[in-house]
N, C-alpha and C. Protein backbone atom coordinates (compact mmCIF):
# COMPACT_ATOMS: atom_id res chain seq x y z
N UNK A 1 90.68 112.40 94.40
CA UNK A 1 91.45 111.17 94.58
C UNK A 1 92.93 111.53 94.62
N UNK A 2 93.60 110.98 95.60
CA UNK A 2 95.03 111.19 95.78
C UNK A 2 95.75 109.88 95.51
N UNK A 3 96.87 109.94 94.84
CA UNK A 3 97.69 108.75 94.63
C UNK A 3 98.85 108.82 95.60
N UNK A 4 99.00 107.76 96.41
CA UNK A 4 100.12 107.66 97.33
C UNK A 4 101.12 106.71 96.69
N UNK A 5 102.34 107.18 96.48
CA UNK A 5 103.38 106.37 95.84
C UNK A 5 104.34 105.88 96.91
N UNK A 6 104.52 104.57 96.96
CA UNK A 6 105.45 103.94 97.90
C UNK A 6 106.62 103.42 97.08
N UNK A 7 107.82 103.92 97.36
CA UNK A 7 109.02 103.52 96.63
C UNK A 7 109.69 102.36 97.36
N UNK A 8 109.99 101.30 96.61
CA UNK A 8 110.66 100.12 97.17
C UNK A 8 111.87 99.78 96.31
N UNK A 9 112.96 99.44 96.92
CA UNK A 9 114.07 98.81 96.22
C UNK A 9 114.63 99.59 95.03
N UNK A 10 114.36 100.87 94.93
CA UNK A 10 114.90 101.67 93.84
C UNK A 10 114.22 101.47 92.50
N UNK A 11 113.89 100.23 92.13
CA UNK A 11 113.29 99.97 90.82
C UNK A 11 111.81 99.61 90.90
N UNK A 12 111.28 99.50 92.12
CA UNK A 12 109.88 99.10 92.30
C UNK A 12 109.15 100.21 93.03
N UNK A 13 107.97 100.54 92.53
CA UNK A 13 107.11 101.47 93.26
C UNK A 13 105.68 100.95 93.18
N UNK A 14 104.88 101.37 94.15
CA UNK A 14 103.48 100.98 94.19
C UNK A 14 102.66 102.25 94.34
N UNK A 15 101.70 102.43 93.45
CA UNK A 15 100.76 103.54 93.56
C UNK A 15 99.52 103.01 94.25
N UNK A 16 99.14 103.63 95.36
CA UNK A 16 97.98 103.20 96.12
C UNK A 16 96.94 104.31 96.11
N UNK A 17 95.70 103.93 95.86
CA UNK A 17 94.61 104.90 95.87
C UNK A 17 93.32 104.16 96.17
N UNK A 18 92.24 104.90 96.31
CA UNK A 18 90.95 104.24 96.51
C UNK A 18 90.50 103.65 95.18
N UNK A 19 89.85 102.50 95.25
CA UNK A 19 89.43 101.82 94.04
C UNK A 19 88.03 102.20 93.61
N UNK A 20 87.64 101.73 92.44
CA UNK A 20 86.29 101.97 91.94
C UNK A 20 85.30 100.98 92.54
N UNK A 21 85.65 99.69 92.52
CA UNK A 21 84.73 98.67 93.02
C UNK A 21 85.11 98.15 94.40
N UNK A 22 86.35 98.35 94.82
CA UNK A 22 86.81 97.91 96.14
C UNK A 22 87.55 99.07 96.80
N UNK A 23 87.76 99.00 98.11
CA UNK A 23 88.35 100.15 98.82
C UNK A 23 89.76 100.55 98.39
N UNK A 24 90.59 99.59 97.98
CA UNK A 24 91.99 99.89 97.66
C UNK A 24 92.32 99.49 96.23
N UNK A 25 93.11 100.31 95.56
CA UNK A 25 93.59 100.01 94.22
C UNK A 25 95.11 100.14 94.23
N UNK A 26 95.80 99.12 93.70
CA UNK A 26 97.26 99.12 93.66
C UNK A 26 97.73 99.03 92.22
N UNK A 27 98.76 99.78 91.90
CA UNK A 27 99.45 99.64 90.62
C UNK A 27 100.92 99.43 90.95
N UNK A 28 101.46 98.29 90.53
CA UNK A 28 102.86 97.96 90.79
C UNK A 28 103.67 98.32 89.54
N UNK A 29 104.72 99.11 89.74
CA UNK A 29 105.57 99.56 88.64
C UNK A 29 106.99 99.07 88.91
N UNK A 30 107.58 98.42 87.91
CA UNK A 30 108.95 97.92 88.01
C UNK A 30 109.74 98.48 86.84
N UNK A 31 110.83 99.19 87.16
CA UNK A 31 111.69 99.80 86.15
C UNK A 31 110.88 100.63 85.15
N UNK A 32 109.92 101.40 85.67
CA UNK A 32 109.14 102.31 84.84
C UNK A 32 107.97 101.70 84.10
N UNK A 33 107.78 100.39 84.20
CA UNK A 33 106.70 99.71 83.49
C UNK A 33 105.69 99.16 84.48
N UNK A 34 104.41 99.33 84.18
CA UNK A 34 103.36 98.76 85.02
C UNK A 34 103.37 97.25 84.85
N UNK A 35 103.48 96.51 85.97
CA UNK A 35 103.51 95.05 85.89
C UNK A 35 102.28 94.42 86.52
N UNK A 36 101.53 95.16 87.33
CA UNK A 36 100.32 94.62 87.93
C UNK A 36 99.42 95.76 88.37
N UNK A 37 98.12 95.52 88.26
CA UNK A 37 97.14 96.48 88.77
C UNK A 37 95.95 95.68 89.26
N UNK A 38 95.49 95.99 90.47
CA UNK A 38 94.34 95.28 91.00
C UNK A 38 93.68 96.08 92.10
N UNK A 39 92.44 95.69 92.39
CA UNK A 39 91.69 96.29 93.48
C UNK A 39 91.43 95.22 94.52
N UNK A 40 91.41 95.63 95.78
CA UNK A 40 91.23 94.69 96.87
C UNK A 40 90.53 95.36 98.05
N UNK A 41 89.99 94.53 98.91
CA UNK A 41 89.42 95.03 100.16
C UNK A 41 90.46 95.05 101.26
N UNK A 42 91.63 94.46 101.00
CA UNK A 42 92.69 94.36 102.01
C UNK A 42 93.43 95.69 102.14
N UNK A 43 93.37 96.27 103.31
CA UNK A 43 94.00 97.56 103.60
C UNK A 43 95.51 97.37 103.78
N UNK A 44 96.35 98.12 103.05
CA UNK A 44 97.80 97.94 103.16
C UNK A 44 98.36 98.34 104.52
N UNK A 45 97.56 99.02 105.33
CA UNK A 45 98.02 99.41 106.67
C UNK A 45 97.92 98.26 107.65
N UNK A 46 97.26 97.16 107.25
CA UNK A 46 97.16 95.98 108.11
C UNK A 46 98.17 94.93 107.65
N UNK A 47 98.50 94.01 108.54
CA UNK A 47 99.46 92.95 108.20
C UNK A 47 98.96 92.14 107.01
N UNK A 48 97.69 91.78 107.00
CA UNK A 48 97.13 90.99 105.90
C UNK A 48 97.20 91.72 104.57
N UNK A 49 96.92 93.01 104.59
CA UNK A 49 96.99 93.81 103.37
C UNK A 49 98.40 93.91 102.83
N UNK A 50 99.37 94.08 103.74
CA UNK A 50 100.78 94.15 103.31
C UNK A 50 101.24 92.82 102.74
N UNK A 51 100.82 91.71 103.36
CA UNK A 51 101.22 90.39 102.86
C UNK A 51 100.66 90.16 101.46
N UNK A 52 99.40 90.53 101.26
CA UNK A 52 98.80 90.39 99.93
C UNK A 52 99.53 91.22 98.89
N UNK A 53 99.86 92.46 99.24
CA UNK A 53 100.59 93.34 98.33
C UNK A 53 101.99 92.79 98.06
N UNK A 54 102.65 92.31 99.11
CA UNK A 54 103.98 91.71 98.95
C UNK A 54 103.92 90.53 97.99
N UNK A 55 102.90 89.68 98.14
CA UNK A 55 102.78 88.51 97.27
C UNK A 55 102.56 88.90 95.81
N UNK A 56 101.77 89.94 95.58
CA UNK A 56 101.56 90.43 94.21
C UNK A 56 102.88 90.93 93.62
N UNK A 57 103.63 91.69 94.42
CA UNK A 57 104.92 92.20 93.95
C UNK A 57 105.85 91.04 93.62
N UNK A 58 105.95 90.07 94.52
CA UNK A 58 106.87 88.94 94.31
C UNK A 58 106.43 88.07 93.13
N UNK A 59 105.15 88.01 92.86
CA UNK A 59 104.64 87.22 91.73
C UNK A 59 104.97 87.89 90.39
N UNK A 60 104.99 89.22 90.37
CA UNK A 60 105.14 89.94 89.10
C UNK A 60 106.54 90.53 88.87
N UNK A 61 107.38 90.53 89.90
CA UNK A 61 108.74 91.07 89.76
C UNK A 61 109.71 89.96 90.14
N UNK A 62 110.50 89.50 89.19
CA UNK A 62 111.42 88.40 89.47
C UNK A 62 112.64 88.88 90.25
N UNK A 63 113.18 87.97 91.03
CA UNK A 63 114.43 88.24 91.73
C UNK A 63 114.33 89.06 93.00
N UNK A 64 113.13 89.25 93.53
CA UNK A 64 112.99 89.99 94.79
C UNK A 64 112.76 89.01 95.94
N UNK A 65 113.23 89.38 97.11
CA UNK A 65 113.07 88.54 98.28
C UNK A 65 111.86 89.00 99.08
N UNK A 66 111.02 88.03 99.46
CA UNK A 66 109.80 88.36 100.20
C UNK A 66 110.10 89.13 101.48
N UNK A 67 111.11 88.71 102.22
CA UNK A 67 111.39 89.37 103.50
C UNK A 67 111.84 90.81 103.29
N UNK A 68 112.63 91.06 102.26
CA UNK A 68 113.09 92.43 101.98
C UNK A 68 111.92 93.31 101.56
N UNK A 69 111.05 92.80 100.69
CA UNK A 69 109.88 93.56 100.25
C UNK A 69 108.95 93.81 101.43
N UNK A 70 108.77 92.80 102.28
CA UNK A 70 107.92 92.94 103.46
C UNK A 70 108.43 94.06 104.37
N UNK A 71 109.73 94.06 104.63
CA UNK A 71 110.33 95.10 105.48
C UNK A 71 110.17 96.48 104.86
N UNK A 72 110.42 96.58 103.56
CA UNK A 72 110.29 97.87 102.88
C UNK A 72 108.85 98.36 102.88
N UNK A 73 107.90 97.45 102.64
CA UNK A 73 106.49 97.84 102.67
C UNK A 73 106.10 98.36 104.05
N UNK A 74 106.52 97.65 105.09
CA UNK A 74 106.19 98.08 106.46
C UNK A 74 106.72 99.48 106.72
N UNK A 75 107.97 99.72 106.36
CA UNK A 75 108.60 101.02 106.59
C UNK A 75 107.92 102.12 105.78
N UNK A 76 107.74 101.89 104.49
CA UNK A 76 107.20 102.92 103.60
C UNK A 76 105.72 103.20 103.87
N UNK A 77 104.96 102.17 104.19
CA UNK A 77 103.54 102.39 104.49
C UNK A 77 103.41 103.16 105.80
N UNK A 78 104.28 102.88 106.76
CA UNK A 78 104.27 103.65 108.01
C UNK A 78 104.59 105.12 107.74
N UNK A 79 105.57 105.38 106.87
CA UNK A 79 105.94 106.76 106.52
C UNK A 79 104.79 107.51 105.85
N UNK A 80 103.96 106.77 105.12
CA UNK A 80 102.87 107.37 104.36
C UNK A 80 101.50 107.14 105.01
N UNK A 81 101.49 106.80 106.30
CA UNK A 81 100.25 106.44 106.98
C UNK A 81 99.20 107.55 106.92
N UNK A 82 99.61 108.78 107.12
CA UNK A 82 98.64 109.88 107.12
C UNK A 82 98.01 110.06 105.73
N UNK A 83 98.84 110.05 104.70
CA UNK A 83 98.32 110.20 103.34
C UNK A 83 97.41 109.03 102.97
N UNK A 84 97.78 107.82 103.37
CA UNK A 84 96.95 106.65 103.10
C UNK A 84 95.62 106.75 103.84
N UNK A 85 95.67 107.18 105.08
CA UNK A 85 94.43 107.34 105.85
C UNK A 85 93.52 108.37 105.19
N UNK A 86 94.10 109.48 104.76
CA UNK A 86 93.30 110.51 104.08
C UNK A 86 92.64 109.97 102.82
N UNK A 87 93.37 109.15 102.07
CA UNK A 87 92.84 108.62 100.82
C UNK A 87 91.86 107.47 101.04
N UNK A 88 92.26 106.49 101.84
CA UNK A 88 91.45 105.27 101.97
C UNK A 88 90.28 105.44 102.92
N UNK A 89 90.37 106.34 103.87
CA UNK A 89 89.28 106.53 104.83
C UNK A 89 88.28 107.59 104.37
N UNK A 90 88.52 108.19 103.22
CA UNK A 90 87.65 109.27 102.75
C UNK A 90 86.39 108.77 102.08
N UNK A 91 86.34 107.49 101.80
CA UNK A 91 85.16 106.91 101.11
C UNK A 91 83.98 106.81 102.03
């Protein structure tokens, strides 16, 4: 299992890996503290998966703008596409 870390906004990061019961597992970390962890069938490489992840981040981290998080997720997930494919498609 490989953990793919996506850095957002300097103080927010998301650890993405394959889940135990569902294909994707996300851990949202804000200022060094875990604020959310969940498993989903929504792939972060798709628009729907990114929107779901963005909504979780915005729900658990105060003061962030949805559009800024959305843009950062799109950029960072694209940068990590190969690592994500290796991890999420290996199941």
